[in-house]
């Protein structure tokens, strides 16, 4: 098999750097690099890579409006650079990536896509985590320079192809930052939590369902859930463990339970707190907590969303789940969630790292 990875883009493109397409010698391809216009061309390059055993970098310019490109007048106003390599080379880091995903750790993968330095082959890789560097590209100075660049990318979360000079020779290195999936904490295992868990898990998010009623915490009820936590609402933050990647939705539909859930989540590192129910109910909850001496900070209020969800006219549990999922996604990307036709500038943010669930 061969693995094709977008390593750089210019202008408007369907997918961003880090998107992948896996091409087996037999059978269906997995993933995508475009809306379907590039995959056939990339498959042809992949066949050559499989036959020769050497990686290739290919540029696809989709900007022409008047020309016919590969049988279509695409006019996508963008260009895509694709690195195609033998599957066995990519597989060398698969175990380390799988472990990082399982342990929900960020990791940077630095791949040499062009080399002018003797001893450093195209396709050589380093893995970089906060704790250090794993592997070698074949030359100590290059390891040091690439490792430093990858550590910097890991700190900022920026995926990009960068030039790195080593001993007067230049390398082009694709530094990809892979983030763990978002973690959604669903507080309340009622009937309307079922479509929310299903929709979030379909996106590859890690979904944990919390309730103090053991009978509701059932894999058959929530087949997509990553885990279940039986805990009192007032103890949810400590029992489930929350951090900046945790997006909590409070939906027990019981006023006292929701008050305790909110009390537990305020003041934590959680990235989002969505509250089902009207705004007046949330104001009452906050007033009750204030009388108990629990006063949310400005930071708490900034990540408190009630009623939870985008204003799309949602009716019923499935539509409301879609509304909440969209709001969480927009919040995690620091986007305003308006209509794309009204957005000035490009649709995609440059150099945004992908969550593991988005690759390929």
Protein backbone atom coordinates (compact mmCIF):
# COMPACT_ATOMS: atom_id res chain seq x y z
CA UNK A 1 0.00 0.00 0.00
CA UNK A 2 0.95 3.67 -0.23
CA UNK A 3 0.05 6.64 1.95
CA UNK A 4 -0.64 10.08 0.46
CA UNK A 5 -0.55 13.10 2.77
CA UNK A 6 -1.31 16.73 2.03
CA UNK A 7 1.78 18.56 3.26
CA UNK A 8 1.07 22.09 2.02
CA UNK A 9 -1.77 24.10 0.52
CA UNK A 10 -2.13 27.51 -1.06
CA UNK A 11 -5.44 29.27 -1.50
CA UNK A 12 -8.83 27.59 -1.16
CA UNK A 13 -8.74 23.79 -0.92
CA UNK A 14 -11.18 21.11 0.17
CA UNK A 15 -8.80 19.56 2.74
CA UNK A 16 -5.90 21.01 4.70
CA UNK A 17 -2.38 19.87 5.53
CA UNK A 18 -2.43 16.54 7.36
CA UNK A 19 -5.35 15.02 5.45
CA UNK A 20 -4.53 11.54 4.19
CA UNK A 21 -5.47 8.94 1.62
CA UNK A 22 -4.42 5.30 2.02
CA UNK A 23 -4.15 3.41 -1.28
CA UNK A 24 -3.91 -0.39 -1.00
CA UNK A 25 -2.58 -2.57 -3.79
CA UNK A 26 -6.03 -4.16 -3.88
CA UNK A 27 -9.33 -2.95 -2.52
CA UNK A 28 -10.87 0.42 -1.76
CA UNK A 29 -8.96 3.54 -0.82
CA UNK A 30 -9.45 4.98 2.68
CA UNK A 31 -9.71 8.70 3.40
CA UNK A 32 -9.76 11.61 0.99
CA UNK A 33 -7.64 14.55 -0.15
CA UNK A 34 -10.29 16.45 -2.10
CA UNK A 35 -13.93 16.36 -3.02
CA UNK A 36 -13.14 13.48 -5.37
CA UNK A 37 -11.28 15.27 -8.16
CA UNK A 38 -7.74 14.33 -7.09
CA UNK A 39 -8.02 10.82 -5.76
CA UNK A 40 -7.73 9.10 -9.13
CA UNK A 41 -4.59 11.04 -10.04
CA UNK A 42 -3.02 10.38 -6.63
CA UNK A 43 -3.83 6.68 -6.97
CA UNK A 44 -1.76 6.60 -10.17
CA UNK A 45 1.23 8.14 -8.39
CA UNK A 46 0.74 5.71 -5.50
CA UNK A 47 0.99 2.76 -7.89
CA UNK A 48 4.37 4.05 -9.08
CA UNK A 49 5.52 4.54 -5.47
CA UNK A 50 4.48 0.99 -4.58
CA UNK A 51 6.32 -0.37 -7.60
CA UNK A 52 9.53 1.64 -7.06
CA UNK A 53 9.60 1.85 -3.28
CA UNK A 54 10.59 5.53 -3.24
CA UNK A 55 8.44 8.43 -2.00
CA UNK A 56 7.36 11.26 -4.29
CA UNK A 57 6.08 14.79 -3.80
CA UNK A 58 3.48 16.02 -6.29
CA UNK A 59 1.91 19.47 -6.72
CA UNK A 60 -1.65 19.83 -7.97
CA UNK A 61 -2.65 23.33 -9.12
CA UNK A 62 -6.44 23.64 -9.13
CA UNK A 63 -6.63 27.37 -9.76
CA UNK A 64 -7.47 27.38 -13.48
CA UNK A 65 -11.00 28.56 -14.25
CA UNK A 66 -10.83 28.31 -18.04
CA UNK A 67 -8.65 25.26 -18.53
CA UNK A 68 -9.73 21.67 -18.36
CA UNK A 69 -7.67 19.86 -15.72
CA UNK A 70 -7.80 16.05 -15.88
CA UNK A 71 -11.10 16.33 -17.70
CA UNK A 72 -12.68 18.93 -15.41
CA UNK A 73 -12.57 22.70 -15.26
CA UNK A 74 -12.02 22.75 -11.50
CA UNK A 75 -11.30 26.38 -10.71
CA UNK A 76 -10.89 25.68 -6.98
CA UNK A 77 -8.56 28.66 -6.50
CA UNK A 78 -5.98 26.60 -4.63
CA UNK A 79 -2.95 24.37 -4.93
CA UNK A 80 -2.18 21.17 -3.02
CA UNK A 81 1.20 19.54 -2.40
CA UNK A 82 0.94 15.80 -1.73
CA UNK A 83 3.63 13.52 -0.31
CA UNK A 84 3.18 9.89 -1.39
CA UNK A 85 5.22 7.20 0.36
CA UNK A 86 5.33 3.41 0.66
CA UNK A 87 2.99 2.15 3.35
CA UNK A 88 5.71 0.29 5.25
CA UNK A 89 7.57 3.57 5.88
CA UNK A 90 4.50 5.18 7.39
CA UNK A 91 3.76 2.07 9.43
CA UNK A 92 7.03 2.45 11.32
CA UNK A 93 5.48 5.13 13.54
CA UNK A 94 1.98 3.65 13.72
CA UNK A 95 2.43 2.08 17.17
CA UNK A 96 3.70 5.32 18.71
CA UNK A 97 0.81 7.28 17.20
CA UNK A 98 -1.72 4.70 18.38
CA UNK A 99 -0.33 4.88 21.93
CA UNK A 100 -0.48 8.68 21.94
CA UNK A 101 -4.08 8.50 20.76
CA UNK A 102 -4.99 5.95 23.41
CA UNK A 103 -3.35 8.01 26.16
CA UNK A 104 -4.85 11.24 24.79
CA UNK A 105 -1.48 12.96 24.34
CA UNK A 106 -0.49 15.49 21.67
CA UNK A 107 2.38 14.45 19.43
CA UNK A 108 4.33 16.00 16.55
CA UNK A 109 5.49 13.99 13.55
CA UNK A 110 8.31 15.52 11.48
CA UNK A 111 8.74 14.00 8.00
CA UNK A 112 11.52 14.96 5.59
CA UNK A 113 9.80 15.51 2.24
CA UNK A 114 12.83 16.97 0.40
CA UNK A 115 16.46 16.46 1.37
CA UNK A 116 19.63 18.10 0.14
CA UNK A 117 21.68 16.61 2.96
CA UNK A 118 23.66 13.43 2.47
CA UNK A 119 22.64 10.72 4.90
CA UNK A 120 19.13 12.10 5.40
CA UNK A 121 16.70 10.28 3.08
CA UNK A 122 13.37 11.59 1.91
CA UNK A 123 10.67 10.10 4.13
CA UNK A 124 12.81 9.97 7.29
CA UNK A 125 10.89 10.80 10.46
CA UNK A 126 11.14 12.04 14.02
CA UNK A 127 8.46 11.81 16.67
CA UNK A 128 8.41 14.64 19.19
CA UNK A 129 6.49 14.77 22.45
CA UNK A 130 6.84 17.15 25.40
CA UNK A 131 9.07 14.53 27.03
CA UNK A 132 11.56 14.23 24.20
CA UNK A 133 12.41 13.00 20.70
CA UNK A 134 12.08 9.48 19.32
CA UNK A 135 13.89 8.20 16.23
CA UNK A 136 16.50 9.68 13.88
CA UNK A 137 16.50 11.02 10.34
CA UNK A 138 20.04 9.74 9.91
CA UNK A 139 22.22 12.69 10.93
CA UNK A 140 22.72 14.14 14.42
CA UNK A 141 22.68 17.82 13.44
CA UNK A 142 19.52 17.29 11.43
CA UNK A 143 17.90 15.47 14.36
CA UNK A 144 18.64 18.42 16.62
CA UNK A 145 17.37 21.06 14.19
CA UNK A 146 14.23 19.15 13.20
CA UNK A 147 13.53 18.21 16.81
CA UNK A 148 13.68 21.86 17.89
CA UNK A 149 11.34 22.93 15.08
CA UNK A 150 8.89 20.13 15.90
CA UNK A 151 8.94 20.97 19.62
CA UNK A 152 8.09 24.57 18.77
CA UNK A 153 5.22 23.42 16.55
CA UNK A 154 3.95 21.14 19.30
CA UNK A 155 3.89 24.08 21.72
CA UNK A 156 1.87 26.25 19.33
CA UNK A 157 -0.24 23.51 17.74
CA UNK A 158 0.67 24.65 14.22
CA UNK A 159 1.03 22.12 11.40
CA UNK A 160 3.18 23.29 8.48
CA UNK A 161 5.91 22.44 5.99
CA UNK A 162 9.06 24.39 6.88
CA UNK A 163 12.57 24.80 5.43
CA UNK A 164 15.37 23.78 7.80
CA UNK A 165 19.03 24.46 7.04
CA UNK A 166 21.61 22.01 8.32
CA UNK A 167 25.31 22.36 7.53
CA UNK A 168 24.66 24.51 4.47
CA UNK A 169 22.12 22.05 3.04
CA UNK A 170 18.38 22.63 3.05
CA UNK A 171 15.66 20.24 4.09
CA UNK A 172 11.93 20.64 3.67
CA UNK A 173 10.16 19.07 6.60
CA UNK A 174 6.45 18.50 7.10
CA UNK A 175 5.79 18.99 10.81
CA UNK A 176 2.38 17.71 11.75
CA UNK A 177 0.84 18.24 15.17
CA UNK A 178 -1.77 15.64 16.04
CA UNK A 179 -4.13 16.48 18.87
CA UNK A 180 -6.18 13.92 20.79
CA UNK A 181 -9.91 13.89 20.02
CA UNK A 182 -12.22 16.26 21.84
CA UNK A 183 -13.65 14.87 25.06
CA UNK A 184 -17.36 15.41 25.62
CA UNK A 185 -18.77 14.98 29.11
CA UNK A 186 -22.52 14.35 29.00
CA UNK A 187 -23.98 15.06 32.43
CA UNK A 188 -27.29 13.26 32.57
CA UNK A 189 -28.14 9.98 30.86
CA UNK A 190 -31.72 10.72 29.89
CA UNK A 191 -33.40 9.77 26.63
CA UNK A 192 -32.32 12.93 24.79
CA UNK A 193 -28.67 12.25 25.63
CA UNK A 194 -28.75 9.22 23.30
CA UNK A 195 -28.61 11.16 19.99
CA UNK A 196 -26.02 13.56 21.41
CA UNK A 197 -23.69 10.70 22.37
CA UNK A 198 -24.30 9.04 19.01
CA UNK A 199 -23.50 12.22 17.04
CA UNK A 200 -20.41 13.08 19.06
CA UNK A 201 -18.97 9.57 18.88
CA UNK A 202 -19.58 9.51 15.10
CA UNK A 203 -17.13 12.42 14.85
CA UNK A 204 -14.52 10.41 16.72
CA UNK A 205 -14.87 12.35 19.97
CA UNK A 206 -14.31 10.61 23.29
CA UNK A 207 -17.72 10.70 24.97
CA UNK A 208 -18.14 10.03 28.69
CA UNK A 209 -21.64 9.76 30.13
CA UNK A 210 -22.14 10.69 33.79
CA UNK A 211 -25.13 10.00 36.01
CA UNK A 212 -25.80 9.02 39.59
CA UNK A 213 -28.35 6.45 38.40
CA UNK A 214 -26.42 3.28 37.56
CA UNK A 215 -29.27 1.77 35.58
CA UNK A 216 -28.98 4.52 32.95
CA UNK A 217 -25.25 3.93 32.35
CA UNK A 218 -25.51 1.11 29.87
CA UNK A 219 -23.49 0.28 26.75
CA UNK A 220 -26.60 -0.85 24.90
CA UNK A 221 -28.23 2.50 25.64
CA UNK A 222 -25.10 4.45 24.61
CA UNK A 223 -23.13 2.19 22.22
CA UNK A 224 -20.83 5.00 21.09
CA UNK A 225 -19.76 6.10 24.57
CA UNK A 226 -16.09 5.79 25.48
CA UNK A 227 -16.85 5.41 29.16
CA UNK A 228 -19.33 5.84 31.99
CA UNK A 229 -18.96 7.49 35.38
CA UNK A 230 -21.38 6.84 38.21
CA UNK A 231 -21.08 9.87 40.47
CA UNK A 232 -23.13 12.40 42.35
CA UNK A 233 -23.62 15.61 40.32
CA UNK A 234 -21.68 17.68 42.86
CA UNK A 235 -18.66 15.41 42.36
CA UNK A 236 -18.67 15.17 38.56
CA UNK A 237 -15.52 17.22 37.89
CA UNK A 238 -13.38 15.18 40.26
CA UNK A 239 -14.95 11.84 39.37
CA UNK A 240 -14.72 12.25 35.59
CA UNK A 241 -11.55 14.32 35.48
CA UNK A 242 -11.78 17.47 33.36
CA UNK A 243 -9.25 19.54 31.47
CA UNK A 244 -9.13 22.15 28.71
CA UNK A 245 -10.13 19.57 26.09
CA UNK A 246 -13.29 18.62 27.99
CA UNK A 247 -16.59 19.99 26.71
CA UNK A 248 -19.40 19.40 29.19
CA UNK A 249 -23.13 19.37 28.46
CA UNK A 250 -25.45 19.48 31.47
CA UNK A 251 -28.78 17.85 30.60
CA UNK A 252 -30.30 15.97 33.51
CA UNK A 253 -33.55 18.03 33.28
CA UNK A 254 -33.63 18.05 37.06
CA UNK A 255 -33.08 21.49 38.56
CA UNK A 256 -31.23 20.35 41.67
CA UNK A 257 -29.03 17.90 39.76
CA UNK A 258 -28.17 20.53 37.14
CA UNK A 259 -27.32 23.02 39.88
CA UNK A 260 -24.87 20.57 41.41
CA UNK A 261 -23.38 19.69 38.03
CA UNK A 262 -22.82 23.39 37.34
CA UNK A 263 -21.39 23.97 40.82
CA UNK A 264 -18.86 21.19 40.26
CA UNK A 265 -17.79 22.38 36.79
CA UNK A 266 -17.37 26.09 37.58
CA UNK A 267 -13.80 27.04 38.38
CA UNK A 268 -12.31 24.06 36.53
CA UNK A 269 -10.26 23.97 33.32
CA UNK A 270 -13.20 22.61 31.31
CA UNK A 271 -13.35 24.31 27.89
CA UNK A 272 -17.13 24.56 27.54
CA UNK A 273 -20.21 24.19 29.72
CA UNK A 274 -23.47 23.82 27.81
CA UNK A 275 -26.71 24.04 29.77
CA UNK A 276 -30.00 22.75 28.37
CA UNK A 277 -33.07 24.82 29.11
CA UNK A 278 -34.02 28.49 28.74
CA UNK A 279 -31.80 31.37 29.72
CA UNK A 280 -34.09 32.28 32.62
CA UNK A 281 -33.44 28.85 34.15
CA UNK A 282 -29.67 29.36 33.90
CA UNK A 283 -29.96 32.79 35.52
CA UNK A 284 -31.91 31.23 38.37
CA UNK A 285 -29.27 28.51 38.77
CA UNK A 286 -26.52 31.13 38.97
CA UNK A 287 -28.50 33.17 41.48
CA UNK A 288 -28.98 30.10 43.69
CA UNK A 289 -25.27 29.31 43.51
CA UNK A 290 -24.43 32.93 44.30
CA UNK A 291 -26.48 32.74 47.50
CA UNK A 292 -24.34 29.72 48.42
CA UNK A 293 -21.17 31.75 47.80
CA UNK A 294 -20.38 30.21 44.40
CA UNK A 295 -19.76 33.16 42.08
CA UNK A 296 -18.50 32.34 38.57
CA UNK A 297 -15.48 34.23 37.32
CA UNK A 298 -15.40 36.12 34.03
CA UNK A 299 -13.60 33.11 32.56
CA UNK A 300 -16.36 30.79 33.75
CA UNK A 301 -19.06 32.98 32.20
CA UNK A 302 -17.18 33.13 28.89
CA UNK A 303 -17.36 29.35 28.49
CA UNK A 304 -20.90 28.98 29.84
CA UNK A 305 -23.45 28.49 27.06
CA UNK A 306 -27.12 28.43 27.98
CA UNK A 307 -29.29 27.54 26.24
CA UNK A 308 -26.73 25.19 24.69
CA UNK A 309 -26.56 24.96 20.92
CA UNK A 310 -26.62 27.14 17.83
CA UNK A 311 -29.73 29.05 16.81
CA UNK A 312 -30.80 26.82 13.90
CA UNK A 313 -34.43 26.32 14.90
CA UNK A 314 -33.75 22.83 16.24
CA UNK A 315 -36.76 20.76 17.32
CA UNK A 316 -36.59 17.36 18.99
CA UNK A 317 -33.61 15.49 20.48
CA UNK A 318 -31.80 14.72 17.21
CA UNK A 319 -31.88 18.28 15.90
CA UNK A 320 -30.94 19.68 19.30
CA UNK A 321 -28.00 17.26 19.41
CA UNK A 322 -26.86 18.56 16.00
CA UNK A 323 -27.16 22.13 17.28
CA UNK A 324 -25.04 21.37 20.36
CA UNK A 325 -22.43 19.43 18.37
CA UNK A 326 -22.06 22.37 15.97
CA UNK A 327 -21.65 24.83 18.86
CA UNK A 328 -19.00 22.67 20.54
CA UNK A 329 -17.13 22.36 17.24
CA UNK A 330 -17.27 26.12 16.64
CA UNK A 331 -16.13 26.82 20.20
CA UNK A 332 -13.22 24.39 19.93
CA UNK A 333 -12.09 26.14 16.73
CA UNK A 334 -12.69 29.67 18.08
CA UNK A 335 -15.20 30.37 15.34
CA UNK A 336 -18.33 32.51 15.43
CA UNK A 337 -20.52 29.89 13.69
CA UNK A 338 -22.12 32.26 11.20
CA UNK A 339 -23.03 31.57 7.60
CA UNK A 340 -19.98 30.77 5.46
CA UNK A 341 -21.26 33.03 2.68
CA UNK A 342 -20.90 35.97 5.08
CA UNK A 343 -17.38 35.07 6.21
CA UNK A 344 -14.65 37.41 4.96
CA UNK A 345 -11.44 35.65 3.99
CA UNK A 346 -10.72 31.93 3.72
CA UNK A 347 -12.95 29.23 5.16
CA UNK A 348 -10.09 27.36 6.84
CA UNK A 349 -7.65 28.78 9.33
CA UNK A 350 -4.05 28.38 8.12
CA UNK A 351 -1.79 25.89 9.91
CA UNK A 352 -4.46 24.48 12.19
CA UNK A 353 -3.51 21.10 13.56
CA UNK A 354 -5.99 18.29 13.08
CA UNK A 355 -7.52 16.22 15.80
CA UNK A 356 -6.74 12.56 15.42
CA UNK A 357 -10.34 11.84 14.51
CA UNK A 358 -10.04 14.08 11.44
CA UNK A 359 -7.15 12.15 9.91
CA UNK A 360 -7.59 10.78 7.30
